Amino acid sequence: MYVVLLIAGLLSGIITGMGLGGIVLIPALTMLLDFPQKVAQGINLVYFIPTSLVALFVHNKNKNLDFKLTKPLVVWGVLGAFAGSMLVGVIPAQILRKIFAVLLLAIGIYQVVTVNCSCKK
């Protein structure tokens, strides 16, 4: 169990540093360690605080932030997080798993369809 947690934590940290959040940690906790969906999401939120702060520091140091654009996103994001945390209390875990799976699938399809593989900037 601890090896899986170590690997999931490390991979999730790398992904979080890239700005992608719980894409690794939540599936690892639910599928590999059989955590309930709501518990995995809660753990991900706690995990995300220190890892995102480290990533934020590095991205700011590398001048990859635009605080003028960030401010309204944070305000609306906080309101959305409040609404989402209220919804989690009434949505069954199986539905949450399906919503998360559809979200990951949609992101994957979007990336495959829209990303230009030539990597020229």
PDB file of N, CA and C in Angstrom:
ATOM      1  N   MET A   1       0.823  -1.199   0.000  1.00  0.00           N
ATOM      2  CA  MET A   1       0.000   0.000   0.000  1.00  0.00           C
ATOM      3  C   MET A   1       0.865   1.260   0.000  1.00  0.00           C
ATOM      4  N   TYR A   2       1.936   1.267   0.821  1.00  0.00           N
ATOM      5  CA  TYR A   2       2.765   2.463   0.907  1.00  0.00           C
ATOM      6  C   TYR A   2       3.533   2.730  -0.385  1.00  0.00           C
ATOM      7  N   VAL A   3       3.889   1.681  -1.102  1.00  0.00           N
ATOM      8  CA  VAL A   3       4.577   1.862  -2.383  1.00  0.00           C
ATOM      9  C   VAL A   3       3.629   2.522  -3.382  1.00  0.00           C
ATOM     10  N   VAL A   4       2.377   2.077  -3.403  1.00  0.00           N
ATOM     11  CA  VAL A   4       1.383   2.679  -4.302  1.00  0.00           C
ATOM     12  C   VAL A   4       1.169   4.141  -3.937  1.00  0.00           C
ATOM     13  N   LEU A   5       1.079   4.435  -2.635  1.00  0.00           N
ATOM     14  CA  LEU A   5       0.927   5.829  -2.201  1.00  0.00           C
ATOM     15  C   LEU A   5       2.134   6.671  -2.603  1.00  0.00           C
ATOM     16  N   LEU A   6       3.341   6.118  -2.468  1.00  0.00           N
ATOM     17  CA  LEU A   6       4.555   6.829  -2.843  1.00  0.00           C
ATOM     18  C   LEU A   6       4.544   7.156  -4.332  1.00  0.00           C
ATOM     19  N   ILE A   7       4.251   6.155  -5.154  1.00  0.00           N
ATOM     20  CA  ILE A   7       4.238   6.353  -6.608  1.00  0.00           C
ATOM     21  C   ILE A   7       3.120   7.312  -7.012  1.00  0.00           C
ATOM     22  N   ALA A   8       1.919   7.121  -6.447  1.00  0.00           N
ATOM     23  CA  ALA A   8       0.791   8.005  -6.768  1.00  0.00           C
ATOM     24  C   ALA A   8       1.089   9.433  -6.340  1.00  0.00           C
ATOM     25  N   GLY A   9       1.680   9.607  -5.163  1.00  0.00           N
ATOM     26  CA  GLY A   9       2.026  10.943  -4.687  1.00  0.00           C
ATOM     27  C   GLY A   9       3.054  11.618  -5.567  1.00  0.00           C
ATOM     28  N   LEU A  10       4.074  10.879  -5.969  1.00  0.00           N
ATOM     29  CA  LEU A  10       5.116  11.432  -6.821  1.00  0.00           C
ATOM     30  C   LEU A  10       4.567  11.811  -8.193  1.00  0.00           C
ATOM     31  N   LEU A  11       3.848  10.882  -8.825  1.00  0.00           N
ATOM     32  CA  LEU A  11       3.284  11.172 -10.152  1.00  0.00           C
ATOM     33  C   LEU A  11       2.276  12.317 -10.093  1.00  0.00           C
ATOM     34  N   SER A  12       1.444  12.307  -9.059  1.00  0.00           N
ATOM     35  CA  SER A  12       0.465  13.382  -8.917  1.00  0.00           C
ATOM     36  C   SER A  12       1.154  14.723  -8.677  1.00  0.00           C
ATOM     37  N   GLY A  13       2.245  14.711  -7.936  1.00  0.00           N
ATOM     38  CA  GLY A  13       3.005  15.951  -7.723  1.00  0.00           C
ATOM     39  C   GLY A  13       3.565  16.499  -9.025  1.00  0.00           C
ATOM     40  N   ILE A  14       4.085  15.611  -9.855  1.00  0.00           N
ATOM     41  CA  ILE A  14       4.607  16.041 -11.157  1.00  0.00           C
ATOM     42  C   ILE A  14       3.480  16.626 -12.007  1.00  0.00           C
ATOM     43  N   ILE A  15       2.346  15.922 -12.037  1.00  0.00           N
ATOM     44  CA  ILE A  15       1.198  16.393 -12.816  1.00  0.00           C
ATOM     45  C   ILE A  15       0.664  17.706 -12.240  1.00  0.00           C
ATOM     46  N   THR A  16       0.623  17.831 -10.913  1.00  0.00           N
ATOM     47  CA  THR A  16       0.173  19.069 -10.272  1.00  0.00           C
ATOM     48  C   THR A  16       1.110  20.216 -10.632  1.00  0.00           C
ATOM     49  N   GLY A  17       2.405  19.941 -10.669  1.00  0.00           N
ATOM     50  CA  GLY A  17       3.368  20.970 -11.060  1.00  0.00           C
ATOM     51  C   GLY A  17       3.119  21.484 -12.466  1.00  0.00           C
ATOM     52  N   MET A  18       2.535  20.634 -13.303  1.00  0.00           N
ATOM     53  CA  MET A  18       2.176  21.043 -14.665  1.00  0.00           C
ATOM     54  C   MET A  18       0.812  21.732 -14.705  1.00  0.00           C
ATOM     55  N   GLY A  19       0.118  21.782 -13.562  1.00  0.00           N
ATOM     56  CA  GLY A  19      -1.175  22.459 -13.498  1.00  0.00           C
ATOM     57  C   GLY A  19      -2.363  21.563 -13.792  1.00  0.00           C
ATOM     58  N   LEU A  20      -2.216  20.259 -13.627  1.00  0.00           N
ATOM     59  CA  LEU A  20      -3.291  19.341 -14.011  1.00  0.00           C
ATOM     60  C   LEU A  20      -4.009  18.679 -12.839  1.00  0.00           C
ATOM     61  N   GLY A  21      -3.655  19.005 -11.629  1.00  0.00           N
ATOM     62  CA  GLY A  21      -4.429  18.574 -10.469  1.00  0.00           C
ATOM     63  C   GLY A  21      -4.531  17.081 -10.227  1.00  0.00           C
ATOM     64  N   GLY A  22      -5.744  16.618  -9.902  1.00  0.00           N
ATOM     65  CA  GLY A  22      -5.972  15.271  -9.404  1.00  0.00           C
ATOM     66  C   GLY A  22      -6.154  14.189 -10.439  1.00  0.00           C
ATOM     67  N   ILE A  23      -5.639  14.389 -11.627  1.00  0.00           N
ATOM     68  CA  ILE A  23      -5.821  13.414 -12.702  1.00  0.00           C
ATOM     69  C   ILE A  23      -5.193  12.075 -12.352  1.00  0.00           C
ATOM     70  N   VAL A  24      -4.123  12.056 -11.592  1.00  0.00           N
ATOM     71  CA  VAL A  24      -3.463  10.808 -11.214  1.00  0.00           C
ATOM     72  C   VAL A  24      -3.913  10.341  -9.833  1.00  0.00           C
ATOM     73  N   LEU A  25      -3.966  11.247  -8.879  1.00  0.00           N
ATOM     74  CA  LEU A  25      -4.192  10.861  -7.492  1.00  0.00           C
ATOM     75  C   LEU A  25      -5.570  10.252  -7.255  1.00  0.00           C
ATOM     76  N   ILE A  26      -6.615  10.855  -7.765  1.00  0.00           N
ATOM     77  CA  ILE A  26      -7.964  10.334  -7.515  1.00  0.00           C
ATOM     78  C   ILE A  26      -8.143   8.938  -8.107  1.00  0.00           C
ATOM     79  N   PRO A  27      -7.781   8.700  -9.364  1.00  0.00           N
ATOM     80  CA  PRO A  27      -7.905   7.322  -9.871  1.00  0.00           C
ATOM     81  C   PRO A  27      -7.019   6.330  -9.104  1.00  0.00           C
ATOM     82  N   ALA A  28      -5.828   6.745  -8.705  1.00  0.00           N
ATOM     83  CA  ALA A  28      -4.953   5.834  -7.953  1.00  0.00           C
ATOM     84  C   ALA A  28      -5.587   5.457  -6.621  1.00  0.00           C
ATOM     85  N   LEU A  29      -6.154   6.434  -5.940  1.00  0.00           N
ATOM     86  CA  LEU A  29      -6.771   6.153  -4.647  1.00  0.00           C
ATOM     87  C   LEU A  29      -8.025   5.300  -4.780  1.00  0.00           C
ATOM     88  N   THR A  30      -8.816   5.543  -5.823  1.00  0.00           N
ATOM     89  CA  THR A  30     -10.068   4.792  -5.961  1.00  0.00           C
ATOM     90  C   THR A  30      -9.861   3.424  -6.593  1.00  0.00           C
ATOM     91  N   MET A  31      -9.032   3.333  -7.615  1.00  0.00           N
ATOM     92  CA  MET A  31      -8.898   2.070  -8.342  1.00  0.00           C
ATOM     93  C   MET A  31      -7.842   1.146  -7.727  1.00  0.00           C
ATOM     94  N   LEU A  32      -6.725   1.696  -7.303  1.00  0.00           N
ATOM     95  CA  LEU A  32      -5.647   0.853  -6.794  1.00  0.00           C
ATOM     96  C   LEU A  32      -5.760   0.575  -5.298  1.00  0.00           C
ATOM     97  N   LEU A  33      -6.291   1.545  -4.550  1.00  0.00           N
ATOM     98  CA  LEU A  33      -6.345   1.390  -3.101  1.00  0.00           C
ATOM     99  C   LEU A  33      -7.774   1.285  -2.573  1.00  0.00           C
ATOM    100  N   ASP A  34      -8.744   1.309  -3.461  1.00  0.00           N
ATOM    101  CA  ASP A  34     -10.148   1.091  -3.119  1.00  0.00           C
ATOM    102  C   ASP A  34     -10.703   2.107  -2.115  1.00  0.00           C
ATOM    103  N   PHE A  35     -10.241   3.359  -2.194  1.00  0.00           N
ATOM    104  CA  PHE A  35     -10.811   4.412  -1.369  1.00  0.00           C
ATOM    105  C   PHE A  35     -12.160   4.805  -1.947  1.00  0.00           C
ATOM    106  N   PRO A  36     -13.111   5.183  -1.118  1.00  0.00           N
ATOM    107  CA  PRO A  36     -14.372   5.722  -1.644  1.00  0.00           C
ATOM    108  C   PRO A  36     -14.102   7.010  -2.430  1.00  0.00           C
ATOM    109  N   GLN A  37     -14.903   7.270  -3.459  1.00  0.00           N
ATOM    110  CA  GLN A  37     -14.711   8.427  -4.335  1.00  0.00           C
ATOM    111  C   GLN A  37     -14.647   9.734  -3.535  1.00  0.00           C
ATOM    112  N   LYS A  38     -15.572   9.929  -2.620  1.00  0.00           N
ATOM    113  CA  LYS A  38     -15.610  11.188  -1.861  1.00  0.00           C
ATOM    114  C   LYS A  38     -14.376  11.350  -0.973  1.00  0.00           C
ATOM    115  N   VAL A  39     -13.877  10.265  -0.413  1.00  0.00           N
ATOM    116  CA  VAL A  39     -12.661  10.319   0.412  1.00  0.00           C
ATOM    117  C   VAL A  39     -11.460  10.656  -0.470  1.00  0.00           C
ATOM    118  N   ALA A  40     -11.376  10.034  -1.652  1.00  0.00           N
ATOM    119  CA  ALA A  40     -10.271  10.317  -2.579  1.00  0.00           C
ATOM    120  C   ALA A  40     -10.286  11.783  -2.999  1.00  0.00           C
ATOM    121  N   GLN A  41     -11.458  12.325  -3.258  1.00  0.00           N
ATOM    122  CA  GLN A  41     -11.555  13.726  -3.640  1.00  0.00           C
ATOM    123  C   GLN A  41     -11.137  14.641  -2.487  1.00  0.00           C
ATOM    124  N   GLY A  42     -11.524  14.282  -1.270  1.00  0.00           N
ATOM    125  CA  GLY A  42     -11.110  15.072  -0.104  1.00  0.00           C
ATOM    126  C   GLY A  42      -9.607  15.025   0.110  1.00  0.00           C
ATOM    127  N   ILE A  43      -9.030  13.843  -0.004  1.00  0.00           N
ATOM    128  CA  ILE A  43      -7.576  13.708   0.121  1.00  0.00           C
ATOM    129  C   ILE A  43      -6.884  14.531  -0.962  1.00  0.00           C
ATOM    130  N   ASN A  44      -7.408  14.485  -2.177  1.00  0.00           N
ATOM    131  CA  ASN A  44      -6.831  15.253  -3.275  1.00  0.00           C
ATOM    132  C   ASN A  44      -6.836  16.745  -2.966  1.00  0.00           C
ATOM    133  N   LEU A  45      -7.903  17.239  -2.353  1.00  0.00           N
ATOM    134  CA  LEU A  45      -7.974  18.662  -2.025  1.00  0.00           C
ATOM    135  C   LEU A  45      -6.909  19.050  -0.998  1.00  0.00           C
ATOM    136  N   VAL A  46      -6.721  18.222   0.018  1.00  0.00           N
ATOM    137  CA  VAL A  46      -5.691  18.503   1.024  1.00  0.00           C
ATOM    138  C   VAL A  46      -4.302  18.404   0.397  1.00  0.00           C
ATOM    139  N   TYR A  47      -4.103  17.370  -0.412  1.00  0.00           N
ATOM    140  CA  TYR A  47      -2.828  17.154  -1.101  1.00  0.00           C
ATOM    141  C   TYR A  47      -2.497  18.332  -2.019  1.00  0.00           C
ATOM    142  N   PHE A  48      -3.529  18.888  -2.647  1.00  0.00           N
ATOM    143  CA  PHE A  48      -3.338  19.919  -3.648  1.00  0.00           C
ATOM    144  C   PHE A  48      -2.826  21.241  -3.059  1.00  0.00           C
ATOM    145  N   ILE A  49      -3.133  21.507  -1.799  1.00  0.00           N
ATOM    146  CA  ILE A  49      -2.732  22.797  -1.207  1.00  0.00           C
ATOM    147  C   ILE A  49      -1.214  22.974  -1.209  1.00  0.00           C
ATOM    148  N   PRO A  50      -0.440  22.110  -0.550  1.00  0.00           N
ATOM    149  CA  PRO A  50       1.017  22.348  -0.552  1.00  0.00           C
ATOM    150  C   PRO A  50       1.653  22.139  -1.921  1.00  0.00           C
ATOM    151  N   THR A  51       1.180  21.147  -2.692  1.00  0.00           N
ATOM    152  CA  THR A  51       1.811  20.908  -3.989  1.00  0.00           C
ATOM    153  C   THR A  51       1.538  22.058  -4.957  1.00  0.00           C
ATOM    154  N   SER A  52       0.348  22.622  -4.912  1.00  0.00           N
ATOM    155  CA  SER A  52       0.053  23.736  -5.809  1.00  0.00           C
ATOM    156  C   SER A  52       0.797  25.001  -5.392  1.00  0.00           C
ATOM    157  N   LEU A  53       1.030  25.167  -4.091  1.00  0.00           N
ATOM    158  CA  LEU A  53       1.806  26.328  -3.635  1.00  0.00           C
ATOM    159  C   LEU A  53       3.246  26.265  -4.154  1.00  0.00           C
ATOM    160  N   VAL A  54       3.829  25.067  -4.128  1.00  0.00           N
ATOM    161  CA  VAL A  54       5.181  24.896  -4.671  1.00  0.00           C
ATOM    162  C   VAL A  54       5.172  25.186  -6.176  1.00  0.00           C
ATOM    163  N   ALA A  55       4.201  24.622  -6.886  1.00  0.00           N
ATOM    164  CA  ALA A  55       4.102  24.850  -8.337  1.00  0.00           C
ATOM    165  C   ALA A  55       3.860  26.329  -8.634  1.00  0.00           C
ATOM    166  N   LEU A  56       3.025  26.975  -7.836  1.00  0.00           N
ATOM    167  CA  LEU A  56       2.752  28.401  -8.017  1.00  0.00           C
ATOM    168  C   LEU A  56       4.025  29.221  -7.867  1.00  0.00           C
ATOM    169  N   PHE A  57       4.832  28.913  -6.874  1.00  0.00           N
ATOM    170  CA  PHE A  57       6.101  29.615  -6.656  1.00  0.00           C
ATOM    171  C   PHE A  57       6.999  29.481  -7.889  1.00  0.00           C
ATOM    172  N   VAL A  58       7.138  28.261  -8.399  1.00  0.00           N
ATOM    173  CA  VAL A  58       8.013  28.023  -9.553  1.00  0.00           C
ATOM    174  C   VAL A  58       7.458  28.707 -10.801  1.00  0.00           C
ATOM    175  N   HIS A  59       6.144  28.594 -11.036  1.00  0.00           N
ATOM    176  CA  HIS A  59       5.552  29.252 -12.210  1.00  0.00           C
ATOM    177  C   HIS A  59       5.689  30.768 -12.128  1.00  0.00           C
ATOM    178  N   ASN A  60       5.551  31.335 -10.933  1.00  0.00           N
ATOM    179  CA  ASN A  60       5.734  32.772 -10.765  1.00  0.00           C
ATOM    180  C   ASN A  60       7.184  33.158 -11.030  1.00  0.00           C
ATOM    181  N   LYS A  61       8.110  32.369 -10.523  1.00  0.00           N
ATOM    182  CA  LYS A  61       9.542  32.617 -10.744  1.00  0.00           C
ATOM    183  C   LYS A  61       9.877  32.584 -12.237  1.00  0.00           C
ATOM    184  N   ASN A  62       9.217  31.682 -12.973  1.00  0.00           N
ATOM    185  CA  ASN A  62       9.456  31.567 -14.419  1.00  0.00           C
ATOM    186  C   ASN A  62       8.601  32.515 -15.248  1.00  0.00           C
ATOM    187  N   LYS A  63       7.900  33.426 -14.575  1.00  0.00           N
ATOM    188  CA  LYS A  63       7.063  34.444 -15.234  1.00  0.00           C
ATOM    189  C   LYS A  63       5.947  33.820 -16.081  1.00  0.00           C
ATOM    190  N   ASN A  64       5.343  32.749 -15.553  1.00  0.00           N
ATOM    191  CA  ASN A  64       4.257  32.075 -16.251  1.00  0.00           C
ATOM    192  C   ASN A  64       2.886  32.411 -15.663  1.00  0.00           C
ATOM    193  N   LEU A  65       2.780  33.540 -14.995  1.00  0.00           N
ATOM    194  CA  LEU A  65       1.511  33.937 -14.394  1.00  0.00           C
ATOM    195  C   LEU A  65       1.095  35.311 -14.881  1.00  0.00           C
ATOM    196  N   ASP A  66      -0.194  35.498 -15.026  1.00  0.00           N
ATOM    197  CA  ASP A  66      -0.777  36.799 -15.344  1.00  0.00           C
ATOM    198  C   ASP A  66      -1.819  37.071 -14.263  1.00  0.00           C
ATOM    199  N   PHE A  67      -1.425  37.824 -13.256  1.00  0.00           N
ATOM    200  CA  PHE A  67      -2.286  38.028 -12.098  1.00  0.00           C
ATOM    201  C   PHE A  67      -3.553  38.808 -12.443  1.00  0.00           C
ATOM    202  N   LYS A  68      -3.525  39.654 -13.480  1.00  0.00           N
ATOM    203  CA  LYS A  68      -4.737  40.380 -13.866  1.00  0.00           C
ATOM    204  C   LYS A  68      -5.819  39.417 -14.345  1.00  0.00           C
ATOM    205  N   LEU A  69      -5.426  38.384 -15.072  1.00  0.00           N
ATOM    206  CA  LEU A  69      -6.390  37.378 -15.521  1.00  0.00           C
ATOM    207  C   LEU A  69      -6.761  36.417 -14.397  1.00  0.00           C
ATOM    208  N   THR A  70      -5.844  36.224 -13.477  1.00  0.00           N
ATOM    209  CA  THR A  70      -6.037  35.248 -12.415  1.00  0.00           C
ATOM    210  C   THR A  70      -7.082  35.701 -11.397  1.00  0.00           C
ATOM    211  N   LYS A  71      -7.123  36.987 -11.083  1.00  0.00           N
ATOM    212  CA  LYS A  71      -8.017  37.477 -10.030  1.00  0.00           C
ATOM    213  C   LYS A  71      -9.487  37.105 -10.267  1.00  0.00           C
ATOM    214  N   PRO A  72     -10.065  37.401 -11.441  1.00  0.00           N
ATOM    215  CA  PRO A  72     -11.479  37.013 -11.622  1.00  0.00           C
ATOM    216  C   PRO A  72     -11.671  35.494 -11.630  1.00  0.00           C
ATOM    217  N   LEU A  73     -10.691  34.763 -12.125  1.00  0.00           N
ATOM    218  CA  LEU A  73     -10.795  33.304 -12.108  1.00  0.00           C
ATOM    219  C   LEU A  73     -10.836  32.772 -10.681  1.00  0.00           C
ATOM    220  N   VAL A  74     -10.022  33.365  -9.811  1.00  0.00           N
ATOM    221  CA  VAL A  74      -9.993  32.934  -8.409  1.00  0.00           C
ATOM    222  C   VAL A  74     -11.339  33.220  -7.745  1.00  0.00           C
ATOM    223  N   VAL A  75     -11.885  34.412  -7.962  1.00  0.00           N
ATOM    224  CA  VAL A  75     -13.179  34.762  -7.360  1.00  0.00           C
ATOM    225  C   VAL A  75     -14.255  33.775  -7.798  1.00  0.00           C
ATOM    226  N   TRP A  76     -14.379  33.562  -9.094  1.00  0.00           N
ATOM    227  CA  TRP A  76     -15.397  32.635  -9.600  1.00  0.00           C
ATOM    228  C   TRP A  76     -15.071  31.195  -9.232  1.00  0.00           C
ATOM    229  N   GLY A  77     -13.778  30.873  -9.170  1.00  0.00           N
ATOM    230  CA  GLY A  77     -13.378  29.529  -8.760  1.00  0.00           C
ATOM    231  C   GLY A  77     -13.749  29.233  -7.319  1.00  0.00           C
ATOM    232  N   VAL A  78     -13.599  30.214  -6.434  1.00  0.00           N
ATOM    233  CA  VAL A  78     -13.980  30.035  -5.030  1.00  0.00           C
ATOM    234  C   VAL A  78     -15.485  29.819  -4.924  1.00  0.00           C
ATOM    235  N   LEU A  79     -16.257  30.609  -5.660  1.00  0.00           N
ATOM    236  CA  LEU A  79     -17.712  30.417  -5.660  1.00  0.00           C
ATOM    237  C   LEU A  79     -18.084  29.041  -6.215  1.00  0.00           C
ATOM    238  N   GLY A  80     -17.412  28.637  -7.290  1.00  0.00           N
ATOM    239  CA  GLY A  80     -17.660  27.317  -7.867  1.00  0.00           C
ATOM    240  C   GLY A  80     -17.254  26.196  -6.922  1.00  0.00           C
ATOM    241  N   ALA A  81     -16.156  26.368  -6.205  1.00  0.00           N
ATOM    242  CA  ALA A  81     -15.707  25.360  -5.251  1.00  0.00           C
ATOM    243  C   ALA A  81     -16.716  25.214  -4.115  1.00  0.00           C
ATOM    244  N   PHE A  82     -17.272  26.322  -3.677  1.00  0.00           N
ATOM    245  CA  PHE A  82     -18.296  26.262  -2.627  1.00  0.00           C
ATOM    246  C   PHE A  82     -19.516  25.501  -3.142  1.00  0.00           C
ATOM    247  N   ALA A  83     -19.971  25.847  -4.336  1.00  0.00           N
ATOM    248  CA  ALA A  83     -21.135  25.158  -4.918  1.00  0.00           C
ATOM    249  C   ALA A  83     -20.840  23.672  -5.127  1.00  0.00           C
ATOM    250  N   GLY A  84     -19.657  23.366  -5.629  1.00  0.00           N
ATOM    251  CA  GLY A  84     -19.283  21.976  -5.866  1.00  0.00           C
ATOM    252  C   GLY A  84     -19.198  21.161  -4.584  1.00  0.00           C
ATOM    253  N   SER A  85     -18.665  21.775  -3.537  1.00  0.00           N
ATOM    254  CA  SER A  85     -18.563  21.050  -2.269  1.00  0.00           C
ATOM    255  C   SER A  85     -19.937  20.812  -1.654  1.00  0.00           C
ATOM    256  N   MET A  86     -20.868  21.698  -1.921  1.00  0.00           N
ATOM    257  CA  MET A  86     -22.244  21.476  -1.463  1.00  0.00           C
ATOM    258  C   MET A  86     -22.895  20.346  -2.276  1.00  0.00           C
ATOM    259  N   LEU A  87     -22.647  20.332  -3.579  1.00  0.00           N
ATOM    260  CA  LEU A  87     -23.215  19.293  -4.440  1.00  0.00           C
ATOM    261  C   LEU A  87     -22.687  17.909  -4.099  1.00  0.00           C
ATOM    262  N   VAL A  88     -21.418  17.830  -3.720  1.00  0.00           N
ATOM    263  CA  VAL A  88     -20.813  16.535  -3.399  1.00  0.00           C
ATOM    264  C   VAL A  88     -21.549  15.852  -2.243  1.00  0.00           C
ATOM    265  N   GLY A  89     -22.125  16.656  -1.375  1.00  0.00           N
ATOM    266  CA  GLY A  89     -22.861  16.095  -0.253  1.00  0.00           C
ATOM    267  C   GLY A  89     -24.157  15.415  -0.655  1.00  0.00           C
ATOM    268  N   VAL A  90     -24.680  15.749  -1.826  1.00  0.00           N
ATOM    269  CA  VAL A  90     -25.972  15.184  -2.243  1.00  0.00           C
ATOM    270  C   VAL A  90     -25.874  14.256  -3.455  1.00  0.00           C
ATOM    271  N   ILE A  91     -24.728  14.251  -4.125  1.00  0.00           N
ATOM    272  CA  ILE A  91     -24.555  13.394  -5.300  1.00  0.00           C
ATOM    273  C   ILE A  91     -23.939  12.065  -4.856  1.00  0.00           C
ATOM    274  N   PRO A  92     -24.540  10.944  -5.240  1.00  0.00           N
ATOM    275  CA  PRO A  92     -23.972   9.644  -4.868  1.00  0.00           C
ATOM    276  C   PRO A  92     -22.567   9.450  -5.457  1.00  0.00           C
ATOM    277  N   ALA A  93     -21.735   8.688  -4.739  1.00  0.00           N
ATOM    278  CA  ALA A  93     -20.343   8.470  -5.137  1.00  0.00           C
ATOM    279  C   ALA A  93     -20.232   7.864  -6.530  1.00  0.00           C
ATOM    280  N   GLN A  94     -21.115   6.948  -6.885  1.00  0.00           N
ATOM    281  CA  GLN A  94     -21.068   6.322  -8.219  1.00  0.00           C
ATOM    282  C   GLN A  94     -21.270   7.361  -9.315  1.00  0.00           C
ATOM    283  N   ILE A  95     -22.147   8.324  -9.084  1.00  0.00           N
ATOM    284  CA  ILE A  95     -22.373   9.391 -10.065  1.00  0.00           C
ATOM    285  C   ILE A  95     -21.134  10.275 -10.149  1.00  0.00           C
ATOM    286  N   LEU A  96     -20.512  10.572  -9.006  1.00  0.00           N
ATOM    287  CA  LEU A  96     -19.285  11.381  -9.009  1.00  0.00           C
ATOM    288  C   LEU A  96     -18.182  10.696  -9.810  1.00  0.00           C
ATOM    289  N   ARG A  97     -18.058   9.384  -9.644  1.00  0.00           N
ATOM    290  CA  ARG A  97     -17.044   8.632 -10.408  1.00  0.00           C
ATOM    291  C   ARG A  97     -17.302   8.765 -11.900  1.00  0.00           C
ATOM    292  N   LYS A  98     -18.560   8.668 -12.284  1.00  0.00           N
ATOM    293  CA  LYS A  98     -18.908   8.770 -13.706  1.00  0.00           C
ATOM    294  C   LYS A  98     -18.657  10.175 -14.234  1.00  0.00           C
ATOM    295  N   ILE A  99     -19.001  11.187 -13.448  1.00  0.00           N
ATOM    296  CA  ILE A  99     -18.739  12.575 -13.854  1.00  0.00           C
ATOM    297  C   ILE A  99     -17.240  12.787 -14.036  1.00  0.00           C
ATOM    298  N   PHE A 100     -16.439  12.290 -13.091  1.00  0.00           N
ATOM    299  CA  PHE A 100     -14.981  12.430 -13.169  1.00  0.00           C
ATOM    300  C   PHE A 100     -14.440  11.706 -14.399  1.00  0.00           C
ATOM    301  N   ALA A 101     -14.947  10.509 -14.669  1.00  0.00           N
ATOM    302  CA  ALA A 101     -14.502   9.737 -15.836  1.00  0.00           C
ATOM    303  C   ALA A 101     -14.847  10.458 -17.131  1.00  0.00           C
ATOM    304  N   VAL A 102     -16.052  10.995 -17.215  1.00  0.00           N
ATOM    305  CA  VAL A 102     -16.462  11.727 -18.420  1.00  0.00           C
ATOM    306  C   VAL A 102     -15.596  12.971 -18.599  1.00  0.00           C
ATOM    307  N   LEU A 103     -15.304  13.655 -17.509  1.00  0.00           N
ATOM    308  CA  LEU A 103     -14.439  14.840 -17.581  1.00  0.00           C
ATOM    309  C   LEU A 103     -13.054  14.474 -18.104  1.00  0.00           C
ATOM    310  N   LEU A 104     -12.456  13.407 -17.563  1.00  0.00           N
ATOM    311  CA  LEU A 104     -11.140  12.979 -18.042  1.00  0.00           C
ATOM    312  C   LEU A 104     -11.187  12.565 -19.513  1.00  0.00           C
ATOM    313  N   LEU A 105     -12.233  11.859 -19.898  1.00  0.00           N
ATOM    314  CA  LEU A 105     -12.392  11.439 -21.292  1.00  0.00           C
ATOM    315  C   LEU A 105     -12.525  12.655 -22.208  1.00  0.00           C
ATOM    316  N   ALA A 106     -13.338  13.617 -21.799  1.00  0.00           N
ATOM    317  CA  ALA A 106     -13.525  14.825 -22.611  1.00  0.00           C
ATOM    318  C   ALA A 106     -12.218  15.595 -22.765  1.00  0.00           C
ATOM    319  N   ILE A 107     -11.456  15.709 -21.687  1.00  0.00           N
ATOM    320  CA  ILE A 107     -10.155  16.398 -21.753  1.00  0.00           C
ATOM    321  C   ILE A 107      -9.222  15.649 -22.700  1.00  0.00           C
ATOM    322  N   GLY A 108      -9.200  14.329 -22.587  1.00  0.00           N
ATOM    323  CA  GLY A 108      -8.345  13.526 -23.467  1.00  0.00           C
ATOM    324  C   GLY A 108      -8.724  13.679 -24.933  1.00  0.00           C
ATOM    325  N   ILE A 109     -10.006  13.602 -25.233  1.00  0.00           N
ATOM    326  CA  ILE A 109     -10.475  13.758 -26.620  1.00  0.00           C
ATOM    327  C   ILE A 109     -10.133  15.146 -27.135  1.00  0.00           C
ATOM    328  N   TYR A 110     -10.375  16.159 -26.321  1.00  0.00           N
ATOM    329  CA  TYR A 110     -10.061  17.533 -26.722  1.00  0.00           C
ATOM    330  C   TYR A 110      -8.577  17.667 -27.054  1.00  0.00           C
ATOM    331  N   GLN A 111      -7.717  17.109 -26.209  1.00  0.00           N
ATOM    332  CA  GLN A 111      -6.282  17.206 -26.447  1.00  0.00           C
ATOM    333  C   GLN A 111      -5.870  16.483 -27.726  1.00  0.00           C
ATOM    334  N   VAL A 112      -6.425  15.313 -27.957  1.00  0.00           N
ATOM    335  CA  VAL A 112      -6.082  14.554 -29.160  1.00  0.00           C
ATOM    336  C   VAL A 112      -6.524  15.318 -30.410  1.00  0.00           C
ATOM    337  N   VAL A 113      -7.701  15.905 -30.362  1.00  0.00           N
ATOM    338  CA  VAL A 113      -8.263  16.570 -31.529  1.00  0.00           C
ATOM    339  C   VAL A 113      -7.625  17.936 -31.799  1.00  0.00           C
ATOM    340  N   THR A 114      -7.291  18.679 -30.740  1.00  0.00           N
ATOM    341  CA  THR A 114      -6.885  20.069 -30.950  1.00  0.00           C
ATOM    342  C   THR A 114      -5.394  20.342 -30.856  1.00  0.00           C
ATOM    343  N   VAL A 115      -4.629  19.486 -30.226  1.00  0.00           N
ATOM    344  CA  VAL A 115      -3.209  19.787 -30.033  1.00  0.00           C
ATOM    345  C   VAL A 115      -2.457  19.560 -31.337  1.00  0.00           C
ATOM    346  N   ASN A 116      -1.704  20.566 -31.705  1.00  0.00           N
ATOM    347  CA  ASN A 116      -0.880  20.495 -32.904  1.00  0.00           C
ATOM    348  C   ASN A 116       0.419  19.789 -32.531  1.00  0.00           C
ATOM    349  N   CYS A 117       0.653  18.639 -33.105  1.00  0.00           N
ATOM    350  CA  CYS A 117       1.823  17.838 -32.739  1.00  0.00           C
ATOM    351  C   CYS A 117       3.145  18.350 -33.326  1.00  0.00           C
ATOM    352  N   SER A 118       3.100  19.381 -34.139  1.00  0.00           N
ATOM    353  CA  SER A 118       4.349  19.872 -34.722  1.00  0.00           C
ATOM    354  C   SER A 118       5.224  20.559 -33.685  1.00  0.00           C
ATOM    355  N   CYS A 119       4.631  20.960 -32.559  1.00  0.00           N
ATOM    356  CA  CYS A 119       5.356  21.566 -31.438  1.00  0.00           C
ATOM    357  C   CYS A 119       6.141  22.818 -31.829  1.00  0.00           C
ATOM    358  N   LYS A 120       5.718  23.525 -32.859  1.00  0.00           N
ATOM    359  CA  LYS A 120       6.389  24.774 -33.263  1.00  0.00           C
ATOM    360  C   LYS A 120       5.690  25.939 -32.587  1.00  0.00           C
ATOM    361  N   LYS A 121       6.502  26.866 -32.089  1.00  0.00           N
ATOM    362  CA  LYS A 121       5.951  28.072 -31.471  1.00  0.00           C
ATOM    363  C   LYS A 121       6.522  29.282 -32.130  1.00  0.00           C
TER     364      LYS A 121
END
